[in-house]
């Protein structure tokens, strides 16, 4: 029997109505999945005796808690978490990976290969190193940052964008370890226990140099110290001195600026001058020449005065202000150059500047002729500072 147009429309409307009713009565799949997932925001990774131990921060409603798991590989440790807590770990929103201080370059590369290779964690996830074990850091920092309504990942993100600290992503670290230079650098985050008055729940520090809150209702306080240290993972694993770390900060593409201090001789009297570095421009150029590699480090920075009153006090007379500004620019330039030199001096231990990778991209044949001998690298430094 041939259906009329009106009859067909009626049947289609009835079919759509049935479908809508069935959908309304069926639980949505994402909601069902969430109830079986353990959302991990921060993951700490330690290795010892061939075992990987994971300590992770997870959100439970408005509270923040830690979960633990261990295994031969990172995937085994995450599976152990699933068995222990009855939920499948979900790292899609993980913002920070914390490696223990004793973790080696090979351990780091192996763990990141497992996490990124299987798309378990986002490639843009930040990576840092703890001063001690990652387990101790995550356990302590969870209570600290949750009291402020944030996560440890939020603190690391603030450090990367506002505190002149270069916090690399998981993909960046893995790329550096797998490159011709085979060297990655991680900022070292450390916690400090601080005694405070009983009953108080906020830090006694003024300013933004650290964050502190009371733990466990007692008088002990824990604070995350401003990251001023770094760990090199490469041919050697070591921690550079403060001057070299500052040089790394200035030549790094991620760190945009920050506080810089220099000593300036103004009219025969030495002053300690502080400034805020802004509008940073940096770069490294390499070329092969006579069996050696020539590496030029360029840094251009604008310095905004903090101690302006010193200049005002000293600027008595015509053209004095201009001469003092030139002296200060020379002083800041010398400071930046010495810090870059300190960082470049680490190259024989490990290719911290990525010279091998840069030369290979420029000329694979020149890289092969050079052979990777970091003793055959000559450095020049082009530093320009404008004080305003």
Protein backbone atom coordinates (compact mmCIF):
# COMPACT_ATOMS: atom_id res chain seq x y z
CA UNK A 1 0.00 0.00 0.00
CA UNK A 2 1.34 3.38 -0.97
CA UNK A 3 1.73 5.79 1.94
CA UNK A 4 0.45 9.27 1.57
CA UNK A 5 2.74 12.23 2.31
CA UNK A 6 0.76 13.07 5.42
CA UNK A 7 1.02 9.43 6.65
CA UNK A 8 4.83 9.37 6.11
CA UNK A 9 5.28 12.60 8.07
CA UNK A 10 3.22 11.21 10.95
CA UNK A 11 5.30 8.03 11.11
CA UNK A 12 8.59 10.02 11.03
CA UNK A 13 7.38 12.26 13.85
CA UNK A 14 6.44 9.22 15.94
CA UNK A 15 9.87 7.63 15.31
CA UNK A 16 11.70 10.81 16.39
CA UNK A 17 9.56 10.98 19.52
CA UNK A 18 10.50 7.40 20.46
CA UNK A 19 14.21 8.16 19.93
CA UNK A 20 14.06 11.27 22.12
CA UNK A 21 12.30 9.36 24.91
CA UNK A 22 14.94 6.61 24.81
CA UNK A 23 17.75 9.16 24.97
CA UNK A 24 16.13 10.92 27.89
CA UNK A 25 15.88 7.67 29.84
CA UNK A 26 19.48 6.59 29.06
CA UNK A 27 22.36 7.88 31.29
CA UNK A 28 24.92 9.92 29.35
CA UNK A 29 28.15 8.02 28.76
CA UNK A 30 30.58 10.77 29.98
CA UNK A 31 28.80 10.90 33.34
CA UNK A 32 29.14 7.14 33.71
CA UNK A 33 32.83 7.33 32.80
CA UNK A 34 33.61 10.12 35.26
CA UNK A 35 32.29 8.05 38.13
CA UNK A 36 34.88 5.39 37.33
CA UNK A 37 37.82 7.77 36.75
CA UNK A 38 40.44 9.13 39.13
CA UNK A 39 41.34 12.64 37.90
CA UNK A 40 45.06 13.26 38.50
CA UNK A 41 46.17 16.90 38.41
CA UNK A 42 49.80 16.48 39.49
CA UNK A 43 51.97 13.37 39.16
CA UNK A 44 55.22 12.80 41.07
CA UNK A 45 57.66 10.18 39.77
CA UNK A 46 60.46 8.50 41.75
CA UNK A 47 62.66 5.58 40.75
CA UNK A 48 64.61 3.20 43.00
CA UNK A 49 65.92 -0.34 42.56
CA UNK A 50 64.29 -0.71 39.16
CA UNK A 51 60.86 0.34 40.45
CA UNK A 52 58.81 3.39 39.50
CA UNK A 53 56.77 4.96 42.29
CA UNK A 54 53.99 7.41 41.45
CA UNK A 55 52.49 9.89 43.91
CA UNK A 56 49.62 11.90 42.45
CA UNK A 57 47.32 14.71 43.49
CA UNK A 58 43.66 14.08 42.83
CA UNK A 59 40.60 16.22 43.46
CA UNK A 60 37.79 14.75 45.53
CA UNK A 61 35.02 17.30 45.40
CA UNK A 62 36.52 20.45 46.94
CA UNK A 63 39.31 18.63 48.77
CA UNK A 64 42.68 17.57 47.41
CA UNK A 65 44.19 14.18 48.26
CA UNK A 66 47.14 12.02 47.22
CA UNK A 67 47.18 8.51 45.78
CA UNK A 68 50.12 6.14 45.30
CA UNK A 69 51.14 3.33 43.00
CA UNK A 70 54.29 1.50 41.93
CA UNK A 71 55.53 -0.87 39.25
CA UNK A 72 58.36 -1.69 36.87
CA UNK A 73 57.25 1.05 34.46
CA UNK A 74 55.17 4.19 34.64
CA UNK A 75 52.23 2.38 33.07
CA UNK A 76 52.47 -0.39 35.67
CA UNK A 77 52.45 2.19 38.49
CA UNK A 78 49.31 3.83 37.07
CA UNK A 79 47.67 0.42 36.76
CA UNK A 80 48.57 -0.23 40.41
CA UNK A 81 46.73 2.98 41.33
CA UNK A 82 43.65 1.69 39.49
CA UNK A 83 43.76 -1.58 41.43
CA UNK A 84 44.33 0.11 44.82
CA UNK A 85 41.62 2.76 44.50
CA UNK A 86 39.11 1.07 42.21
CA UNK A 87 39.17 3.80 39.58
CA UNK A 88 41.03 4.26 36.32
CA UNK A 89 43.61 7.10 36.52
CA UNK A 90 42.88 9.93 34.08
CA UNK A 91 45.77 12.31 33.24
CA UNK A 92 44.10 14.30 30.48
CA UNK A 93 43.96 17.36 32.76
CA UNK A 94 47.32 16.78 34.46
CA UNK A 95 49.20 20.09 34.57
CA UNK A 96 52.48 19.11 36.23
CA UNK A 97 54.95 16.23 36.35
CA UNK A 98 57.38 16.27 39.29
CA UNK A 99 60.50 14.10 39.07
CA UNK A 100 62.44 13.17 42.18
CA UNK A 101 65.93 14.66 42.50
CA UNK A 102 67.64 11.27 42.08
CA UNK A 103 65.86 10.46 38.80
CA UNK A 104 68.37 10.19 35.93
CA UNK A 105 68.16 11.39 32.33
CA UNK A 106 67.38 7.84 31.17
CA UNK A 107 64.63 7.47 33.78
CA UNK A 108 63.12 10.79 32.73
CA UNK A 109 63.22 9.93 29.03
CA UNK A 110 61.75 6.48 29.63
CA UNK A 111 58.88 7.86 31.74
CA UNK A 112 58.05 10.64 29.26
CA UNK A 113 58.15 8.18 26.35
CA UNK A 114 55.56 6.07 28.14
CA UNK A 115 53.31 9.00 29.02
CA UNK A 116 53.52 10.87 25.71
CA UNK A 117 53.86 7.85 23.43
CA UNK A 118 50.52 6.47 24.59
CA UNK A 119 48.97 9.98 24.83
CA UNK A 120 48.35 9.45 28.55
CA UNK A 121 49.36 13.00 29.44
CA UNK A 122 49.08 16.30 27.56
CA UNK A 123 52.26 17.27 25.70
CA UNK A 124 52.05 20.77 27.21
CA UNK A 125 52.16 19.48 30.78
CA UNK A 126 54.85 21.29 32.82
CA UNK A 127 57.86 19.34 34.14
CA UNK A 128 59.93 20.21 37.23
CA UNK A 129 62.36 18.51 39.59
CA UNK A 130 61.83 18.21 43.35
CA UNK A 131 64.59 19.00 45.82
CA UNK A 132 64.08 15.57 47.45
CA UNK A 133 61.72 12.80 46.44
CA UNK A 134 58.69 13.61 44.34
CA UNK A 135 56.58 11.74 46.90
CA UNK A 136 57.61 14.07 49.73
CA UNK A 137 57.09 17.15 47.57
CA UNK A 138 53.61 16.19 46.35
CA UNK A 139 52.43 15.04 49.78
CA UNK A 140 53.49 18.33 51.39
CA UNK A 141 52.57 20.69 48.59
CA UNK A 142 49.05 19.32 48.15
CA UNK A 143 47.97 20.64 51.54
CA UNK A 144 49.75 23.92 50.92
CA UNK A 145 48.23 24.80 47.59
CA UNK A 146 44.76 23.38 48.27
CA UNK A 147 44.43 25.79 51.20
CA UNK A 148 44.76 28.61 48.66
CA UNK A 149 42.25 26.97 46.33
CA UNK A 150 44.91 26.13 43.76
CA UNK A 151 46.99 23.17 42.69
CA UNK A 152 50.76 22.73 42.52
CA UNK A 153 50.40 23.03 38.75
CA UNK A 154 48.98 26.54 39.20
CA UNK A 155 52.02 27.53 41.25
CA UNK A 156 54.39 26.19 38.58
CA UNK A 157 52.46 28.06 35.90
CA UNK A 158 52.79 31.29 37.87
CA UNK A 159 56.53 30.72 38.26
CA UNK A 160 56.92 30.18 34.52
CA UNK A 161 55.05 33.34 33.50
CA UNK A 162 55.72 35.76 36.36
CA UNK A 163 58.91 34.80 38.18
CA UNK A 164 61.49 34.65 35.37
CA UNK A 165 61.74 30.88 35.70
CA UNK A 166 61.82 28.61 32.68
CA UNK A 167 59.46 25.67 33.30
CA UNK A 168 59.60 23.35 30.25
CA UNK A 169 56.76 21.22 28.95
CA UNK A 170 56.86 17.43 28.77
CA UNK A 171 57.28 17.55 25.00
CA UNK A 172 60.15 20.05 25.25
CA UNK A 173 62.02 17.92 27.78
CA UNK A 174 61.62 14.78 25.68
CA UNK A 175 62.68 16.62 22.52
CA UNK A 176 65.82 17.91 24.24
CA UNK A 177 66.72 14.47 25.59
CA UNK A 178 66.20 12.85 22.18
CA UNK A 179 68.04 15.59 20.26
CA UNK A 180 71.68 15.61 19.14
CA UNK A 181 72.54 17.59 22.28
CA UNK A 182 70.75 15.00 24.50
CA UNK A 183 70.45 17.48 27.37
CA UNK A 184 67.44 18.84 29.26
CA UNK A 185 67.33 21.27 32.18
CA UNK A 186 64.65 21.20 34.86
CA UNK A 187 63.96 23.88 37.49
CA UNK A 188 64.30 22.56 41.05
CA UNK A 189 61.32 23.21 43.32
CA UNK A 190 61.88 22.86 47.04
CA UNK A 191 59.81 23.06 50.19
CA UNK A 192 60.85 24.64 53.47
CA UNK A 193 59.39 23.98 56.89
CA UNK A 194 58.84 27.16 58.83
CA UNK A 195 57.79 27.66 62.44
CA UNK A 196 54.89 30.05 62.97
CA UNK A 197 52.60 31.10 65.77
CA UNK A 198 50.09 28.47 66.78
CA UNK A 199 46.62 28.94 65.32
CA UNK A 200 47.65 31.07 62.38
CA UNK A 201 47.00 29.77 58.92
CA UNK A 202 48.79 32.15 56.58
CA UNK A 203 52.38 32.92 55.86
CA UNK A 204 54.22 35.61 57.79
CA UNK A 205 56.20 36.52 54.68
CA UNK A 206 55.43 39.78 52.96
CA UNK A 207 55.66 40.01 49.20
CA UNK A 208 55.43 37.17 46.71
CA UNK A 209 58.71 35.33 47.18
CA UNK A 210 57.07 32.27 48.70
CA UNK A 211 53.74 30.81 49.66
CA UNK A 212 53.07 29.40 53.12
CA UNK A 213 50.16 27.94 55.03
CA UNK A 214 49.81 26.00 58.24
CA UNK A 215 49.74 22.25 57.95
CA UNK A 216 47.71 19.77 60.03
CA UNK A 217 46.44 22.40 62.45
CA UNK A 218 49.79 22.80 64.22
CA UNK A 219 52.38 25.54 64.30
CA UNK A 220 54.57 24.09 61.54
CA UNK A 221 54.30 25.82 58.20
CA UNK A 222 55.43 24.69 54.79
CA UNK A 223 56.22 26.99 51.92
CA UNK A 224 57.28 26.50 48.32
CA UNK A 225 60.48 28.48 47.85
CA UNK A 226 61.00 30.54 44.70
CA UNK A 227 62.79 28.25 42.21
CA UNK A 228 66.37 29.52 41.87
CA UNK A 229 68.01 26.18 41.16
CA UNK A 230 68.17 23.86 38.19
CA UNK A 231 69.25 20.32 37.40
CA UNK A 232 71.01 19.31 34.17
CA UNK A 233 70.07 15.93 32.69
CA UNK A 234 72.53 14.99 29.97
CA UNK A 235 75.96 13.46 29.47
CA UNK A 236 76.40 14.25 33.16
CA UNK A 237 73.71 14.87 35.75
CA UNK A 238 74.57 17.84 37.96
CA UNK A 239 73.31 21.07 39.49
CA UNK A 240 74.86 24.34 38.19
CA UNK A 241 75.79 27.20 40.50
CA UNK A 242 73.60 30.29 40.88
CA UNK A 243 75.40 32.39 38.26
CA UNK A 244 75.07 29.66 35.63
CA UNK A 245 71.37 29.19 36.45
CA UNK A 246 70.80 32.91 35.92
CA UNK A 247 72.59 32.65 32.59
CA UNK A 248 70.25 29.80 31.65
CA UNK A 249 67.25 31.96 32.57
CA UNK A 250 68.38 34.84 30.34
CA UNK A 251 69.21 32.74 27.27
CA UNK A 252 66.08 30.58 27.65
CA UNK A 253 63.25 31.34 25.27
CA UNK A 254 60.54 30.78 27.88
CA UNK A 255 61.69 33.11 30.68
CA UNK A 256 60.53 36.58 29.67
CA UNK A 257 62.32 38.69 32.26
CA UNK A 258 62.67 39.26 35.97
CA UNK A 259 64.69 40.97 38.66
CA UNK A 260 68.38 41.57 37.99
CA UNK A 261 71.00 42.99 40.35
CA UNK A 262 74.34 44.59 39.53
CA UNK A 263 77.13 46.57 41.17
CA UNK A 264 77.78 50.02 39.72
CA UNK A 265 80.57 52.50 40.48
CA UNK A 266 78.97 55.96 40.44
CA UNK A 267 81.34 58.86 41.10
CA UNK A 268 83.80 56.62 42.91
CA UNK A 269 81.21 55.00 45.16
CA UNK A 270 79.88 51.46 44.63
CA UNK A 271 76.14 50.85 44.67
CA UNK A 272 74.06 47.69 44.42
CA UNK A 273 71.43 48.48 41.80
CA UNK A 274 68.29 46.46 41.11
CA UNK A 275 66.26 46.56 37.96
CA UNK A 276 63.38 44.76 36.28
CA UNK A 277 64.30 43.18 32.94
CA UNK A 278 61.63 43.48 30.25
CA UNK A 279 61.32 43.10 26.47
CA UNK A 280 63.99 40.43 26.36
CA UNK A 281 65.30 39.29 22.97
CA UNK A 282 67.72 36.38 22.78
CA UNK A 283 69.23 33.94 20.33
CA UNK A 284 72.12 31.55 19.60
CA UNK A 285 73.83 31.33 16.21
CA UNK A 286 76.36 28.62 15.34
CA UNK A 287 78.66 27.95 12.41
CA UNK A 288 81.51 25.56 11.66
CA UNK A 289 84.93 27.00 10.93
CA UNK A 290 88.31 25.24 10.63
CA UNK A 291 87.15 22.15 12.51
CA UNK A 292 85.71 24.17 15.36
CA UNK A 293 82.27 25.57 16.14
CA UNK A 294 81.66 29.29 16.59
CA UNK A 295 78.68 30.02 18.85
CA UNK A 296 77.38 33.56 19.28
CA UNK A 297 74.99 34.27 22.16
CA UNK A 298 72.89 37.40 21.70
CA UNK A 299 70.90 39.07 24.46
CA UNK A 300 69.06 42.38 24.30
CA UNK A 301 67.23 43.59 27.41
CA UNK A 302 65.49 46.73 28.61
CA UNK A 303 65.98 47.49 32.30
CA UNK A 304 63.41 49.43 34.29
CA UNK A 305 64.89 51.09 37.32
CA UNK A 306 63.77 50.11 40.79
CA UNK A 307 66.23 52.30 42.74
CA UNK A 308 65.47 55.50 40.85
CA UNK A 309 66.17 57.70 43.85
CA UNK A 310 69.88 56.89 43.56
CA UNK A 311 70.02 58.32 40.05
CA UNK A 312 68.03 61.39 41.08
CA UNK A 313 70.36 61.95 44.01
CA UNK A 314 73.50 61.61 41.89
CA UNK A 315 72.24 63.58 38.88
CA UNK A 316 73.43 67.03 39.90
CA UNK A 317 74.54 68.99 36.89
CA UNK A 318 74.24 69.14 33.13
CA UNK A 319 74.51 65.78 31.30
CA UNK A 320 75.22 63.91 34.56
CA UNK A 321 72.04 61.83 34.25
CA UNK A 322 73.06 60.67 30.77
CA UNK A 323 76.54 59.69 31.94
CA UNK A 324 75.14 57.79 34.93
CA UNK A 325 72.71 55.93 32.67
CA UNK A 326 75.63 54.88 30.46
CA UNK A 327 77.55 53.64 33.50
CA UNK A 328 74.54 51.62 34.62
CA UNK A 329 74.03 50.13 31.17
CA UNK A 330 77.66 49.03 31.15
CA UNK A 331 77.31 47.57 34.64
CA UNK A 332 74.15 45.58 33.75
CA UNK A 333 75.76 44.42 30.48
CA UNK A 334 78.79 43.11 32.37
CA UNK A 335 76.51 41.26 34.81
CA UNK A 336 74.51 39.58 32.05
CA UNK A 337 77.68 38.64 30.17
CA UNK A 338 79.30 37.05 33.23
CA UNK A 339 76.17 34.97 33.85
CA UNK A 340 76.01 33.82 30.23
CA UNK A 341 79.71 32.93 30.38
CA UNK A 342 79.12 30.89 33.55
CA UNK A 343 76.35 28.96 31.80
CA UNK A 344 78.34 28.38 28.60
CA UNK A 345 81.26 27.09 30.72
CA UNK A 346 79.11 24.06 31.59
CA UNK A 347 79.14 22.85 27.97
CA UNK A 348 82.11 20.46 28.30
CA UNK A 349 80.11 18.58 30.93
CA UNK A 350 76.90 18.52 28.90
CA UNK A 351 75.58 20.40 25.87
CA UNK A 352 73.37 22.77 27.90
CA UNK A 353 73.09 25.34 25.08
CA UNK A 354 72.02 22.80 22.48
CA UNK A 355 74.99 23.58 20.24
CA UNK A 356 74.99 20.11 18.66
CA UNK A 357 71.30 20.31 17.77
CA UNK A 358 71.66 23.81 16.29
CA UNK A 359 74.70 22.82 14.20
CA UNK A 360 73.02 19.64 12.93
CA UNK A 361 70.03 21.69 11.78
CA UNK A 362 72.37 24.15 10.08
CA UNK A 363 74.58 21.55 8.41
CA UNK A 364 74.52 17.78 9.07
CA UNK A 365 77.86 17.41 7.31
CA UNK A 366 79.50 20.07 9.49
CA UNK A 367 78.06 18.34 12.55
CA UNK A 368 79.56 15.01 11.45
CA UNK A 369 82.97 16.62 10.85
CA UNK A 370 82.87 18.33 14.26
CA UNK A 371 82.09 15.06 16.06
CA UNK A 372 80.39 16.57 19.09
CA UNK A 373 83.57 17.64 20.92
CA UNK A 374 82.35 20.45 23.20
CA UNK A 375 85.95 21.47 23.84
CA UNK A 376 86.05 22.65 20.23
CA UNK A 377 83.42 25.36 20.70
CA UNK A 378 84.33 29.06 20.83
CA UNK A 379 81.81 31.45 22.35
CA UNK A 380 81.19 35.15 21.79
CA UNK A 381 78.65 37.22 23.69
CA UNK A 382 76.70 40.14 22.24
CA UNK A 383 74.83 41.84 25.10
CA UNK A 384 72.89 45.08 24.72
CA UNK A 385 71.14 46.77 27.64
CA UNK A 386 68.91 49.84 27.62
CA UNK A 387 68.16 51.47 30.99
CA UNK A 388 65.02 53.54 31.28
